[in-house]
PDB file of N, CA and C in Angstrom:
ATOM      1  N   MET A   1      -1.286   4.435  -0.638  1.00  0.00           N
ATOM      2  CA  MET A   1      -0.301   4.470   0.414  1.00  0.00           C
ATOM      3  C   MET A   1       0.028   5.905   0.799  1.00  0.00           C
ATOM      4  N   GLU A   2      -0.022   6.773  -0.165  1.00  0.00           N
ATOM      5  CA  GLU A   2       0.300   8.175   0.109  1.00  0.00           C
ATOM      6  C   GLU A   2      -0.676   8.790   1.121  1.00  0.00           C
ATOM      7  N   GLU A   3      -1.954   8.486   0.970  1.00  0.00           N
ATOM      8  CA  GLU A   3      -2.954   9.020   1.890  1.00  0.00           C
ATOM      9  C   GLU A   3      -2.736   8.494   3.313  1.00  0.00           C
ATOM     10  N   VAL A   4      -2.389   7.217   3.419  1.00  0.00           N
ATOM     11  CA  VAL A   4      -2.123   6.617   4.729  1.00  0.00           C
ATOM     12  C   VAL A   4      -0.922   7.304   5.378  1.00  0.00           C
ATOM     13  N   TYR A   5       0.146   7.467   4.612  1.00  0.00           N
ATOM     14  CA  TYR A   5       1.346   8.106   5.145  1.00  0.00           C
ATOM     15  C   TYR A   5       1.029   9.510   5.670  1.00  0.00           C
ATOM     16  N   HIS A   6       0.371  10.325   4.853  1.00  0.00           N
ATOM     17  CA  HIS A   6       0.095  11.708   5.257  1.00  0.00           C
ATOM     18  C   HIS A   6      -0.839  11.768   6.462  1.00  0.00           C
ATOM     19  N   ALA A   7      -1.825  10.895   6.522  1.00  0.00           N
ATOM     20  CA  ALA A   7      -2.748  10.879   7.659  1.00  0.00           C
ATOM     21  C   ALA A   7      -2.017  10.489   8.942  1.00  0.00           C
ATOM     22  N   LEU A   8      -1.146   9.489   8.866  1.00  0.00           N
ATOM     23  CA  LEU A   8      -0.370   9.089  10.040  1.00  0.00           C
ATOM     24  C   LEU A   8       0.577  10.212  10.463  1.00  0.00           C
ATOM     25  N   ASP A   9       1.251  10.808   9.504  1.00  0.00           N
ATOM     26  CA  ASP A   9       2.186  11.894   9.796  1.00  0.00           C
ATOM     27  C   ASP A   9       1.451  13.086  10.410  1.00  0.00           C
ATOM     28  N   ASP A  10       0.294  13.445   9.862  1.00  0.00           N
ATOM     29  CA  ASP A  10      -0.494  14.560  10.403  1.00  0.00           C
ATOM     30  C   ASP A  10      -0.937  14.297  11.831  1.00  0.00           C
ATOM     31  N   ALA A  11      -1.132  13.020  12.180  1.00  0.00           N
ATOM     32  CA  ALA A  11      -1.551  12.651  13.539  1.00  0.00           C
ATOM     33  C   ALA A  11      -0.363  12.500  14.489  1.00  0.00           C
ATOM     34  N   GLY A  12       0.848  12.743  13.989  1.00  0.00           N
ATOM     35  CA  GLY A  12       2.026  12.693  14.842  1.00  0.00           C
ATOM     36  C   GLY A  12       2.785  11.379  14.821  1.00  0.00           C
ATOM     37  N   PHE A  13       2.391  10.462  13.934  1.00  0.00           N
ATOM     38  CA  PHE A  13       3.087   9.181  13.802  1.00  0.00           C
ATOM     39  C   PHE A  13       4.006   9.278  12.582  1.00  0.00           C
ATOM     40  N   CYS A  14       5.196   9.809  12.824  1.00  0.00           N
ATOM     41  CA  CYS A  14       6.071  10.184  11.711  1.00  0.00           C
ATOM     42  C   CYS A  14       7.011   9.075  11.254  1.00  0.00           C
ATOM     43  N   CYS A  15       7.235   8.094  12.093  1.00  0.00           N
ATOM     44  CA  CYS A  15       8.309   7.148  11.811  1.00  0.00           C
ATOM     45  C   CYS A  15       7.745   5.798  11.389  1.00  0.00           C
ATOM     46  N   MET A  16       8.004   5.430  10.154  1.00  0.00           N
ATOM     47  CA  MET A  16       7.519   4.155   9.633  1.00  0.00           C
ATOM     48  C   MET A  16       8.456   3.692   8.537  1.00  0.00           C
ATOM     49  N   THR A  17       8.364   2.430   8.212  1.00  0.00           N
ATOM     50  CA  THR A  17       9.191   1.833   7.171  1.00  0.00           C
ATOM     51  C   THR A  17       8.290   1.284   6.089  1.00  0.00           C
ATOM     52  N   PHE A  18       8.633   1.566   4.846  1.00  0.00           N
ATOM     53  CA  PHE A  18       7.916   1.031   3.693  1.00  0.00           C
ATOM     54  C   PHE A  18       8.790  -0.017   3.036  1.00  0.00           C
ATOM     55  N   VAL A  19       8.223  -1.180   2.793  1.00  0.00           N
ATOM     56  CA  VAL A  19       8.958  -2.274   2.174  1.00  0.00           C
ATOM     57  C   VAL A  19       8.204  -2.704   0.926  1.00  0.00           C
ATOM     58  N   GLU A  20       8.858  -2.621  -0.231  1.00  0.00           N
ATOM     59  CA  GLU A  20       8.250  -3.123  -1.457  1.00  0.00           C
ATOM     60  C   GLU A  20       8.554  -4.603  -1.550  1.00  0.00           C
ATOM     61  N   CYS A  21       7.515  -5.392  -1.740  1.00  0.00           N
ATOM     62  CA  CYS A  21       7.698  -6.829  -1.838  1.00  0.00           C
ATOM     63  C   CYS A  21       6.664  -7.394  -2.802  1.00  0.00           C
ATOM     64  N   GLU A  22       6.686  -8.686  -2.979  1.00  0.00           N
ATOM     65  CA  GLU A  22       5.740  -9.339  -3.856  1.00  0.00           C
ATOM     66  C   GLU A  22       5.145 -10.526  -3.139  1.00  0.00           C
ATOM     67  N   GLY A  23       3.868 -10.766  -3.383  1.00  0.00           N
ATOM     68  CA  GLY A  23       3.218 -11.864  -2.696  1.00  0.00           C
ATOM     69  C   GLY A  23       2.047 -12.403  -3.495  1.00  0.00           C
ATOM     70  N   THR A  24       1.512 -13.480  -2.988  1.00  0.00           N
ATOM     71  CA  THR A  24       0.347 -14.100  -3.605  1.00  0.00           C
ATOM     72  C   THR A  24      -0.728 -14.250  -2.546  1.00  0.00           C
ATOM     73  N   GLY A  25      -1.938 -14.452  -2.961  1.00  0.00           N
ATOM     74  CA  GLY A  25      -2.995 -14.675  -1.995  1.00  0.00           C
ATOM     75  C   GLY A  25      -4.323 -14.146  -2.472  1.00  0.00           C
ATOM     76  N   LYS A  26      -5.303 -14.252  -1.609  1.00  0.00           N
ATOM     77  CA  LYS A  26      -6.653 -13.816  -1.933  1.00  0.00           C
ATOM     78  C   LYS A  26      -6.748 -12.303  -2.062  1.00  0.00           C
ATOM     79  N   TYR A  27      -5.734 -11.591  -1.576  1.00  0.00           N
ATOM     80  CA  TYR A  27      -5.761 -10.133  -1.635  1.00  0.00           C
ATOM     81  C   TYR A  27      -5.449  -9.600  -3.009  1.00  0.00           C
ATOM     82  N   SER A  28      -4.955 -10.426  -3.915  1.00  0.00           N
ATOM     83  CA  SER A  28      -4.576  -9.966  -5.244  1.00  0.00           C
ATOM     84  C   SER A  28      -5.806  -9.588  -6.051  1.00  0.00           C
ATOM     85  N   ASP A  29      -5.725  -8.469  -6.740  1.00  0.00           N
ATOM     86  CA  ASP A  29      -6.802  -8.026  -7.625  1.00  0.00           C
ATOM     87  C   ASP A  29      -6.431  -8.447  -9.038  1.00  0.00           C
ATOM     88  N   HIS A  30      -6.972  -9.567  -9.461  1.00  0.00           N
ATOM     89  CA  HIS A  30      -6.603 -10.134 -10.750  1.00  0.00           C
ATOM     90  C   HIS A  30      -7.138  -9.335 -11.930  1.00  0.00           C
ATOM     91  N   ASP A  31      -7.976  -8.337 -11.672  1.00  0.00           N
ATOM     92  CA  ASP A  31      -8.465  -7.481 -12.746  1.00  0.00           C
ATOM     93  C   ASP A  31      -7.454  -6.398 -13.101  1.00  0.00           C
ATOM     94  N   LYS A  32      -6.442  -6.210 -12.259  1.00  0.00           N
ATOM     95  CA  LYS A  32      -5.421  -5.198 -12.508  1.00  0.00           C
ATOM     96  C   LYS A  32      -4.147  -5.884 -12.965  1.00  0.00           C
ATOM     97  N   GLU A  33      -3.414  -5.216 -13.806  1.00  0.00           N
ATOM     98  CA  GLU A  33      -2.185  -5.790 -14.359  1.00  0.00           C
ATOM     99  C   GLU A  33      -0.985  -5.412 -13.496  1.00  0.00           C
ATOM    100  N   HIS A  34      -0.754  -6.141 -12.430  1.00  0.00           N
ATOM    101  CA  HIS A  34       0.407  -5.919 -11.573  1.00  0.00           C
ATOM    102  C   HIS A  34       1.212  -7.207 -11.441  1.00  0.00           C
ATOM    103  N   ILE A  35       1.022  -8.121 -12.346  1.00  0.00           N
ATOM    104  CA  ILE A  35       1.689  -9.412 -12.227  1.00  0.00           C
ATOM    105  C   ILE A  35       3.199  -9.217 -12.305  1.00  0.00           C
ATOM    106  N   SER A  36       3.897  -9.894 -11.459  1.00  0.00           N
ATOM    107  CA  SER A  36       5.337  -9.775 -11.330  1.00  0.00           C
ATOM    108  C   SER A  36       6.078 -10.365 -12.523  1.00  0.00           C
ATOM    109  N   ALA A  37       7.052  -9.623 -13.007  1.00  0.00           N
ATOM    110  CA  ALA A  37       7.944 -10.167 -14.031  1.00  0.00           C
ATOM    111  C   ALA A  37       9.003 -11.040 -13.354  1.00  0.00           C
ATOM    112  N   LYS A  38       9.263 -10.759 -12.082  1.00  0.00           N
ATOM    113  CA  LYS A  38      10.292 -11.490 -11.346  1.00  0.00           C
ATOM    114  C   LYS A  38       9.809 -12.874 -10.916  1.00  0.00           C
ATOM    115  N   TYR A  39       8.524 -13.000 -10.563  1.00  0.00           N
ATOM    116  CA  TYR A  39       7.967 -14.264 -10.093  1.00  0.00           C
ATOM    117  C   TYR A  39       6.685 -14.629 -10.845  1.00  0.00           C
ATOM    118  N   PRO A  40       6.714 -14.707 -12.166  1.00  0.00           N
ATOM    119  CA  PRO A  40       5.478 -14.992 -12.911  1.00  0.00           C
ATOM    120  C   PRO A  40       4.914 -16.381 -12.627  1.00  0.00           C
ATOM    121  N   PHE A  41       5.754 -17.307 -12.218  1.00  0.00           N
ATOM    122  CA  PHE A  41       5.308 -18.672 -11.929  1.00  0.00           C
ATOM    123  C   PHE A  41       4.395 -18.725 -10.720  1.00  0.00           C
ATOM    124  N   ALA A  42       4.468 -17.741  -9.843  1.00  0.00           N
ATOM    125  CA  ALA A  42       3.694 -17.751  -8.605  1.00  0.00           C
ATOM    126  C   ALA A  42       2.487 -16.827  -8.677  1.00  0.00           C
ATOM    127  N   ASP A  43       2.247 -16.218  -9.826  1.00  0.00           N
ATOM    128  CA  ASP A  43       1.149 -15.275  -9.950  1.00  0.00           C
ATOM    129  C   ASP A  43       1.262 -14.211  -8.855  1.00  0.00           C
ATOM    130  N   ALA A  44       2.495 -13.731  -8.657  1.00  0.00           N
ATOM    131  CA  ALA A  44       2.788 -12.781  -7.585  1.00  0.00           C
ATOM    132  C   ALA A  44       2.448 -11.358  -8.012  1.00  0.00           C
ATOM    133  N   TYR A  45       2.071 -10.566  -7.031  1.00  0.00           N
ATOM    134  CA  TYR A  45       1.731  -9.174  -7.249  1.00  0.00           C
ATOM    135  C   TYR A  45       2.578  -8.296  -6.350  1.00  0.00           C
ATOM    136  N   ARG A  46       2.881  -7.096  -6.829  1.00  0.00           N
ATOM    137  CA  ARG A  46       3.657  -6.139  -6.043  1.00  0.00           C
ATOM    138  C   ARG A  46       2.784  -5.609  -4.910  1.00  0.00           C
ATOM    139  N   VAL A  47       3.338  -5.586  -3.721  1.00  0.00           N
ATOM    140  CA  VAL A  47       2.648  -5.047  -2.554  1.00  0.00           C
ATOM    141  C   VAL A  47       3.599  -4.141  -1.783  1.00  0.00           C
ATOM    142  N   ILE A  48       3.044  -3.266  -0.996  1.00  0.00           N
ATOM    143  CA  ILE A  48       3.842  -2.407  -0.127  1.00  0.00           C
ATOM    144  C   ILE A  48       3.476  -2.734   1.310  1.00  0.00           C
ATOM    145  N   LYS A  49       4.489  -3.041   2.083  1.00  0.00           N
ATOM    146  CA  LYS A  49       4.303  -3.353   3.496  1.00  0.00           C
ATOM    147  C   LYS A  49       4.758  -2.140   4.305  1.00  0.00           C
ATOM    148  N   VAL A  50       3.930  -1.731   5.255  1.00  0.00           N
ATOM    149  CA  VAL A  50       4.263  -0.600   6.123  1.00  0.00           C
ATOM    150  C   VAL A  50       4.474  -1.139   7.524  1.00  0.00           C
ATOM    151  N   GLU A  51       5.575  -0.781   8.118  1.00  0.00           N
ATOM    152  CA  GLU A  51       5.854  -1.180   9.495  1.00  0.00           C
ATOM    153  C   GLU A  51       5.950   0.078  10.343  1.00  0.00           C
ATOM    154  N   ILE A  52       5.244   0.062  11.465  1.00  0.00           N
ATOM    155  CA  ILE A  52       5.268   1.207  12.372  1.00  0.00           C
ATOM    156  C   ILE A  52       5.305   0.668  13.801  1.00  0.00           C
ATOM    157  N   LEU A  53       6.223   1.166  14.585  1.00  0.00           N
ATOM    158  CA  LEU A  53       6.389   0.734  15.972  1.00  0.00           C
ATOM    159  C   LEU A  53       5.754   1.787  16.863  1.00  0.00           C
ATOM    160  N   ILE A  54       4.730   1.385  17.624  1.00  0.00           N
ATOM    161  CA  ILE A  54       4.007   2.328  18.466  1.00  0.00           C
ATOM    162  C   ILE A  54       3.721   1.704  19.830  1.00  0.00           C
ATOM    163  N   ALA A  55       3.442   2.545  20.782  1.00  0.00           N
ATOM    164  CA  ALA A  55       3.046   2.089  22.122  1.00  0.00           C
ATOM    165  C   ALA A  55       1.640   1.508  22.072  1.00  0.00           C
ATOM    166  N   ASP A  56       1.337   0.650  23.016  1.00  0.00           N
ATOM    167  CA  ASP A  56       0.033  -0.020  23.058  1.00  0.00           C
ATOM    168  C   ASP A  56      -1.137   0.959  22.992  1.00  0.00           C
ATOM    169  N   GLU A  57      -1.019   2.100  23.663  1.00  0.00           N
ATOM    170  CA  GLU A  57      -2.140   3.045  23.702  1.00  0.00           C
ATOM    171  C   GLU A  57      -2.378   3.739  22.357  1.00  0.00           C
ATOM    172  N   HIS A  58      -1.451   3.577  21.421  1.00  0.00           N
ATOM    173  CA  HIS A  58      -1.616   4.201  20.105  1.00  0.00           C
ATOM    174  C   HIS A  58      -2.136   3.228  19.051  1.00  0.00           C
ATOM    175  N   VAL A  59      -2.284   1.956  19.420  1.00  0.00           N
ATOM    176  CA  VAL A  59      -2.698   0.949  18.442  1.00  0.00           C
ATOM    177  C   VAL A  59      -4.055   1.285  17.835  1.00  0.00           C
ATOM    178  N   GLU A  60      -5.050   1.531  18.657  1.00  0.00           N
ATOM    179  CA  GLU A  60      -6.396   1.785  18.126  1.00  0.00           C
ATOM    180  C   GLU A  60      -6.441   3.018  17.224  1.00  0.00           C
ATOM    181  N   PRO A  61      -5.855   4.158  17.639  1.00  0.00           N
ATOM    182  CA  PRO A  61      -5.872   5.315  16.737  1.00  0.00           C
ATOM    183  C   PRO A  61      -5.148   5.059  15.409  1.00  0.00           C
ATOM    184  N   VAL A  62      -4.021   4.373  15.450  1.00  0.00           N
ATOM    185  CA  VAL A  62      -3.273   4.096  14.226  1.00  0.00           C
ATOM    186  C   VAL A  62      -4.062   3.145  13.327  1.00  0.00           C
ATOM    187  N   VAL A  63      -4.656   2.118  13.895  1.00  0.00           N
ATOM    188  CA  VAL A  63      -5.475   1.190  13.109  1.00  0.00           C
ATOM    189  C   VAL A  63      -6.625   1.945  12.446  1.00  0.00           C
ATOM    190  N   ASN A  64      -7.270   2.836  13.177  1.00  0.00           N
ATOM    191  CA  ASN A  64      -8.375   3.603  12.614  1.00  0.00           C
ATOM    192  C   ASN A  64      -7.925   4.513  11.478  1.00  0.00           C
ATOM    193  N   ILE A  65      -6.767   5.133  11.625  1.00  0.00           N
ATOM    194  CA  ILE A  65      -6.229   5.998  10.569  1.00  0.00           C
ATOM    195  C   ILE A  65      -5.944   5.181   9.313  1.00  0.00           C
ATOM    196  N   ILE A  66      -5.313   4.029   9.486  1.00  0.00           N
ATOM    197  CA  ILE A  66      -4.983   3.188   8.330  1.00  0.00           C
ATOM    198  C   ILE A  66      -6.251   2.691   7.652  1.00  0.00           C
ATOM    199  N   ARG A  67      -7.213   2.235   8.429  1.00  0.00           N
ATOM    200  CA  ARG A  67      -8.460   1.725   7.840  1.00  0.00           C
ATOM    201  C   ARG A  67      -9.205   2.822   7.093  1.00  0.00           C
ATOM    202  N   LYS A  68      -9.267   4.001   7.668  1.00  0.00           N
ATOM    203  CA  LYS A  68      -9.994   5.104   7.038  1.00  0.00           C
ATOM    204  C   LYS A  68      -9.312   5.570   5.750  1.00  0.00           C
ATOM    205  N   ASN A  69      -8.011   5.695   5.777  1.00  0.00           N
ATOM    206  CA  ASN A  69      -7.285   6.287   4.653  1.00  0.00           C
ATOM    207  C   ASN A  69      -6.751   5.274   3.652  1.00  0.00           C
ATOM    208  N   GLY A  70      -6.768   4.000   4.008  1.00  0.00           N
ATOM    209  CA  GLY A  70      -6.235   2.975   3.117  1.00  0.00           C
ATOM    210  C   GLY A  70      -7.294   2.200   2.359  1.00  0.00           C
ATOM    211  N   ARG A  71      -8.541   2.448   2.661  1.00  0.00           N
ATOM    212  CA  ARG A  71      -9.631   1.681   2.044  1.00  0.00           C
ATOM    213  C   ARG A  71      -9.995   2.246   0.685  1.00  0.00           C
ATOM    214  N   THR A  72      -9.861   1.406  -0.341  1.00  0.00           N
ATOM    215  CA  THR A  72     -10.280   1.792  -1.686  1.00  0.00           C
ATOM    216  C   THR A  72     -11.553   1.055  -2.092  1.00  0.00           C
ATOM    217  N   GLY A  73     -11.846  -0.033  -1.402  1.00  0.00           N
ATOM    218  CA  GLY A  73     -12.991  -0.848  -1.758  1.00  0.00           C
ATOM    219  C   GLY A  73     -12.640  -1.985  -2.700  1.00  0.00           C
ATOM    220  N   TYR A  74     -11.382  -2.054  -3.108  1.00  0.00           N
ATOM    221  CA  TYR A  74     -10.933  -3.115  -4.003  1.00  0.00           C
ATOM    222  C   TYR A  74     -10.113  -4.141  -3.241  1.00  0.00           C
ATOM    223  N   ARG A  75     -10.049  -5.359  -3.802  1.00  0.00           N
ATOM    224  CA  ARG A  75      -9.180  -6.377  -3.218  1.00  0.00           C
ATOM    225  C   ARG A  75      -7.757  -5.841  -3.200  1.00  0.00           C
ATOM    226  N   GLY A  76      -7.050  -6.187  -2.157  1.00  0.00           N
ATOM    227  CA  GLY A  76      -5.673  -5.727  -2.052  1.00  0.00           C
ATOM    228  C   GLY A  76      -5.506  -4.491  -1.192  1.00  0.00           C
ATOM    229  N   ASP A  77      -6.582  -4.043  -0.539  1.00  0.00           N
ATOM    230  CA  ASP A  77      -6.458  -2.896   0.359  1.00  0.00           C
ATOM    231  C   ASP A  77      -5.516  -3.207   1.517  1.00  0.00           C
ATOM    232  N   GLY A  78      -5.295  -4.471   1.796  1.00  0.00           N
ATOM    233  CA  GLY A  78      -4.293  -4.832   2.785  1.00  0.00           C
ATOM    234  C   GLY A  78      -4.838  -5.443   4.050  1.00  0.00           C
ATOM    235  N   LEU A  79      -3.921  -5.788   4.903  1.00  0.00           N
ATOM    236  CA  LEU A  79      -4.198  -6.352   6.220  1.00  0.00           C
ATOM    237  C   LEU A  79      -3.455  -5.516   7.252  1.00  0.00           C
ATOM    238  N   ILE A  80      -4.004  -5.453   8.439  1.00  0.00           N
ATOM    239  CA  ILE A  80      -3.305  -4.838   9.561  1.00  0.00           C
ATOM    240  C   ILE A  80      -3.017  -5.960  10.540  1.00  0.00           C
ATOM    241  N   ILE A  81      -1.759  -6.145  10.838  1.00  0.00           N
ATOM    242  CA  ILE A  81      -1.344  -7.211  11.750  1.00  0.00           C
ATOM    243  C   ILE A  81      -0.653  -6.567  12.945  1.00  0.00           C
ATOM    244  N   ILE A  82      -1.154  -6.846  14.125  1.00  0.00           N
ATOM    245  CA  ILE A  82      -0.586  -6.298  15.357  1.00  0.00           C
ATOM    246  C   ILE A  82       0.280  -7.372  15.994  1.00  0.00           C
ATOM    247  N   SER A  83       1.541  -7.049  16.215  1.00  0.00           N
ATOM    248  CA  SER A  83       2.479  -7.998  16.830  1.00  0.00           C
ATOM    249  C   SER A  83       3.132  -7.354  18.040  1.00  0.00           C
ATOM    250  N   PRO A  84       3.297  -8.115  19.107  1.00  0.00           N
ATOM    251  CA  PRO A  84       3.995  -7.563  20.270  1.00  0.00           C
ATOM    252  C   PRO A  84       5.494  -7.452  19.988  1.00  0.00           C
ATOM    253  N   VAL A  85       6.116  -6.498  20.655  1.00  0.00           N
ATOM    254  CA  VAL A  85       7.568  -6.315  20.568  1.00  0.00           C
ATOM    255  C   VAL A  85       8.122  -6.544  21.964  1.00  0.00           C
ATOM    256  N   ASP A  86       9.012  -7.502  22.091  1.00  0.00           N
ATOM    257  CA  ASP A  86       9.571  -7.831  23.405  1.00  0.00           C
ATOM    258  C   ASP A  86      10.579  -6.796  23.886  1.00  0.00           C
ATOM    259  N   GLU A  87      11.388  -6.296  22.979  1.00  0.00           N
ATOM    260  CA  GLU A  87      12.418  -5.334  23.375  1.00  0.00           C
ATOM    261  C   GLU A  87      12.910  -4.603  22.144  1.00  0.00           C
ATOM    262  N   VAL A  88      13.428  -3.399  22.355  1.00  0.00           N
ATOM    263  CA  VAL A  88      14.012  -2.596  21.291  1.00  0.00           C
ATOM    264  C   VAL A  88      15.402  -2.165  21.750  1.00  0.00           C
ATOM    265  N   TYR A  89      16.371  -2.288  20.855  1.00  0.00           N
ATOM    266  CA  TYR A  89      17.742  -1.864  21.132  1.00  0.00           C
ATOM    267  C   TYR A  89      18.180  -0.903  20.042  1.00  0.00           C
ATOM    268  N   LYS A  90      18.649   0.272  20.428  1.00  0.00           N
ATOM    269  CA  LYS A  90      19.169   1.225  19.453  1.00  0.00           C
ATOM    270  C   LYS A  90      20.673   1.042  19.372  1.00  0.00           C
ATOM    271  N   VAL A  91      21.141   0.626  18.233  1.00  0.00           N
ATOM    272  CA  VAL A  91      22.540   0.261  18.052  1.00  0.00           C
ATOM    273  C   VAL A  91      23.469   1.452  18.306  1.00  0.00           C
ATOM    274  N   ARG A  92      23.140   2.602  17.756  1.00  0.00           N
ATOM    275  CA  ARG A  92      24.036   3.758  17.841  1.00  0.00           C
ATOM    276  C   ARG A  92      24.249   4.247  19.265  1.00  0.00           C
ATOM    277  N   THR A  93      23.194   4.232  20.100  1.00  0.00           N
ATOM    278  CA  THR A  93      23.287   4.834  21.435  1.00  0.00           C
ATOM    279  C   THR A  93      23.217   3.838  22.585  1.00  0.00           C
ATOM    280  N   ASP A  94      22.948   2.584  22.284  1.00  0.00           N
ATOM    281  CA  ASP A  94      22.766   1.560  23.305  1.00  0.00           C
ATOM    282  C   ASP A  94      21.514   1.770  24.164  1.00  0.00           C
ATOM    283  N   GLU A  95      20.614   2.665  23.759  1.00  0.00           N
ATOM    284  CA  GLU A  95      19.371   2.834  24.486  1.00  0.00           C
ATOM    285  C   GLU A  95      18.491   1.620  24.255  1.00  0.00           C
ATOM    286  N   THR A  96      17.616   1.329  25.221  1.00  0.00           N
ATOM    287  CA  THR A  96      16.702   0.198  25.093  1.00  0.00           C
ATOM    288  C   THR A  96      15.287   0.653  25.423  1.00  0.00           C
ATOM    289  N   GLY A  97      14.345  -0.209  25.097  1.00  0.00           N
ATOM    290  CA  GLY A  97      12.949   0.075  25.406  1.00  0.00           C
ATOM    291  C   GLY A  97      12.426   1.306  24.714  1.00  0.00           C
ATOM    292  N   ILE A  98      11.544   2.017  25.387  1.00  0.00           N
ATOM    293  CA  ILE A  98      10.898   3.191  24.805  1.00  0.00           C
ATOM    294  C   ILE A  98      11.899   4.289  24.476  1.00  0.00           C
ATOM    295  N   LEU A  99      13.003   4.350  25.202  1.00  0.00           N
ATOM    296  CA  LEU A  99      14.037   5.356  24.917  1.00  0.00           C
ATOM    297  C   LEU A  99      14.680   5.116  23.547  1.00  0.00           C
ATOM    298  N   ALA A 100      14.699   3.903  23.107  1.00  0.00           N
ATOM    299  CA  ALA A 100      15.302   3.565  21.816  1.00  0.00           C
ATOM    300  C   ALA A 100      14.402   3.990  20.650  1.00  0.00           C
ATOM    301  N   VAL A 101      13.123   4.142  20.952  1.00  0.00           N
ATOM    302  CA  VAL A 101      12.177   4.512  19.902  1.00  0.00           C
ATOM    303  C   VAL A 101      12.164   6.012  19.795  1.00  0.00           C
TER     304      VAL A 101
END
């Protein structure tokens, strides 16, 4: 994750959110000992989710940066999911849309 963060930051994409969570699925690398003490019944593994809000024209460059710098070759390298954002509201200033970002 550190390499992904620095590569994105170096490319000018400075603002992102990291969320530590736990999940199950085919992405889990069962050869590594990351099994959750909190959810052992679900065979859950600790994962880090990165959220970054970018304009449409930045999607391809950001995806390429993440793929290049996040690939280890092992299961659990992650998924990139692109979702549309209908609107953004900045609570502190009441700005909306791109001005809020």
